[in-house]
Amino acid sequence: MPRQSHNPAPTVSKQLEVLLGYPWPIHGRPPKHDLSTWTVAVDWPGHVPITEAEIEVFERWFADLFDELFGSTL
């Protein structure tokens, strides 16, 4: 019985290459971000309301850090 040829399905990278028109993943290091072109905009209002529940979450999550910075309250 003759052997049937089996063409495997293209890999995901090959499929992306066909769709995008260039190889994927792009080889080499990613470009460095030039921080000198970044801008910081401060557009928060003067007072930001915080609920009691939010304060409790921070106190529980960062309890060890707060104790280290400010000393234990116990």
C-alpha atoms as a PDB file:
ATOM      1  CA  MET A   1       0.000   0.000   0.000  1.00  0.00           C
ATOM      2  CA  PRO A   2       1.514   3.370  -0.971  1.00  0.00           C
ATOM      3  CA  ARG A   3       2.256   5.807   1.765  1.00  0.00           C
ATOM      4  CA  GLN A   4       0.057   8.900   1.849  1.00  0.00           C
ATOM      5  CA  SER A   5       1.818  12.234   2.192  1.00  0.00           C
ATOM      6  CA  HIS A   6       0.700  14.230   5.187  1.00  0.00           C
ATOM      7  CA  ASN A   7       1.209  17.989   5.206  1.00  0.00           C
ATOM      8  CA  PRO A   8       1.162  19.238   8.781  1.00  0.00           C
ATOM      9  CA  ALA A   9      -0.843  22.355   9.564  1.00  0.00           C
ATOM     10  CA  PRO A  10       1.214  25.558   9.613  1.00  0.00           C
ATOM     11  CA  THR A  11       2.433  26.711  13.010  1.00  0.00           C
ATOM     12  CA  VAL A  12       0.891  29.720  14.706  1.00  0.00           C
ATOM     13  CA  SER A  13       4.019  31.750  13.902  1.00  0.00           C
ATOM     14  CA  LYS A  14       3.704  30.868  10.206  1.00  0.00           C
ATOM     15  CA  GLN A  15       0.000  31.753  10.235  1.00  0.00           C
ATOM     16  CA  LEU A  16       0.765  35.141  11.804  1.00  0.00           C
ATOM     17  CA  GLU A  17       3.512  35.731   9.253  1.00  0.00           C
ATOM     18  CA  VAL A  18       1.016  35.167   6.430  1.00  0.00           C
ATOM     19  CA  LEU A  19      -1.588  37.439   8.056  1.00  0.00           C
ATOM     20  CA  LEU A  20       0.796  40.247   9.027  1.00  0.00           C
ATOM     21  CA  GLY A  21       3.085  40.109   6.036  1.00  0.00           C
ATOM     22  CA  TYR A  22       6.268  39.922   8.109  1.00  0.00           C
ATOM     23  CA  PRO A  23       7.864  37.284  10.336  1.00  0.00           C
ATOM     24  CA  TRP A  24       6.591  36.811  13.857  1.00  0.00           C
ATOM     25  CA  PRO A  25       8.071  37.040  16.441  1.00  0.00           C
ATOM     26  CA  ILE A  26      10.270  39.929  15.425  1.00  0.00           C
ATOM     27  CA  HIS A  27      13.808  38.970  16.315  1.00  0.00           C
ATOM     28  CA  GLY A  28      16.177  41.180  18.265  1.00  0.00           C
ATOM     29  CA  ARG A  29      15.816  43.375  21.289  1.00  0.00           C
ATOM     30  CA  PRO A  30      12.772  45.592  21.658  1.00  0.00           C
ATOM     31  CA  PRO A  31      13.429  49.314  21.233  1.00  0.00           C
ATOM     32  CA  LYS A  32      14.318  51.191  24.384  1.00  0.00           C
ATOM     33  CA  HIS A  33      11.782  53.716  25.564  1.00  0.00           C
ATOM     34  CA  ASP A  34      13.068  57.262  25.395  1.00  0.00           C
ATOM     35  CA  LEU A  35      11.895  58.674  28.730  1.00  0.00           C
ATOM     36  CA  SER A  36      12.762  62.218  27.659  1.00  0.00           C
ATOM     37  CA  THR A  37       9.722  62.233  25.358  1.00  0.00           C
ATOM     38  CA  TRP A  38       7.278  61.209  28.118  1.00  0.00           C
ATOM     39  CA  THR A  39       4.934  63.809  29.566  1.00  0.00           C
ATOM     40  CA  VAL A  40       3.320  63.760  32.981  1.00  0.00           C
ATOM     41  CA  ALA A  41      -0.056  65.440  33.282  1.00  0.00           C
ATOM     42  CA  VAL A  42      -1.421  66.162  36.717  1.00  0.00           C
ATOM     43  CA  ASP A  43      -5.113  66.606  36.215  1.00  0.00           C
ATOM     44  CA  TRP A  44      -6.448  65.198  39.465  1.00  0.00           C
ATOM     45  CA  PRO A  45      -8.736  67.401  41.509  1.00  0.00           C
ATOM     46  CA  GLY A  46      -7.297  68.925  44.675  1.00  0.00           C
ATOM     47  CA  HIS A  47      -9.267  66.576  46.931  1.00  0.00           C
ATOM     48  CA  VAL A  48      -9.865  62.920  46.084  1.00  0.00           C
ATOM     49  CA  PRO A  49     -12.439  61.279  48.360  1.00  0.00           C
ATOM     50  CA  ILE A  50     -11.451  57.926  49.872  1.00  0.00           C
ATOM     51  CA  THR A  51     -13.907  55.607  51.551  1.00  0.00           C
ATOM     52  CA  GLU A  52     -13.344  53.888  54.881  1.00  0.00           C
ATOM     53  CA  ALA A  53     -13.418  50.511  53.085  1.00  0.00           C
ATOM     54  CA  GLU A  54     -10.526  51.597  50.827  1.00  0.00           C
ATOM     55  CA  ILE A  55      -8.463  52.618  53.848  1.00  0.00           C
ATOM     56  CA  GLU A  56      -9.116  49.222  55.461  1.00  0.00           C
ATOM     57  CA  VAL A  57      -7.959  47.408  52.314  1.00  0.00           C
ATOM     58  CA  PHE A  58      -4.689  49.358  52.282  1.00  0.00           C
ATOM     59  CA  GLU A  59      -4.143  48.819  55.993  1.00  0.00           C
ATOM     60  CA  ARG A  60      -4.662  45.066  55.686  1.00  0.00           C
ATOM     61  CA  TRP A  61      -2.675  44.623  52.477  1.00  0.00           C
ATOM     62  CA  PHE A  62       0.269  46.813  53.496  1.00  0.00           C
ATOM     63  CA  ALA A  63       0.193  46.155  57.257  1.00  0.00           C
ATOM     64  CA  ASP A  64       3.730  44.701  57.342  1.00  0.00           C
ATOM     65  CA  LEU A  65       5.142  47.592  55.339  1.00  0.00           C
ATOM     66  CA  PHE A  66       3.326  50.207  57.427  1.00  0.00           C
ATOM     67  CA  ASP A  67       4.555  48.566  60.649  1.00  0.00           C
ATOM     68  CA  GLU A  68       8.108  48.620  59.312  1.00  0.00           C
ATOM     69  CA  LEU A  69       7.883  52.270  58.244  1.00  0.00           C
ATOM     70  CA  PHE A  70       5.878  53.754  61.104  1.00  0.00           C
ATOM     71  CA  GLY A  71       6.246  51.181  63.884  1.00  0.00           C
ATOM     72  CA  SER A  72       3.738  48.702  65.196  1.00  0.00           C
ATOM     73  CA  THR A  73       0.591  50.055  66.833  1.00  0.00           C
ATOM     74  CA  LEU A  74       0.402  47.111  69.217  1.00  0.00           C
END
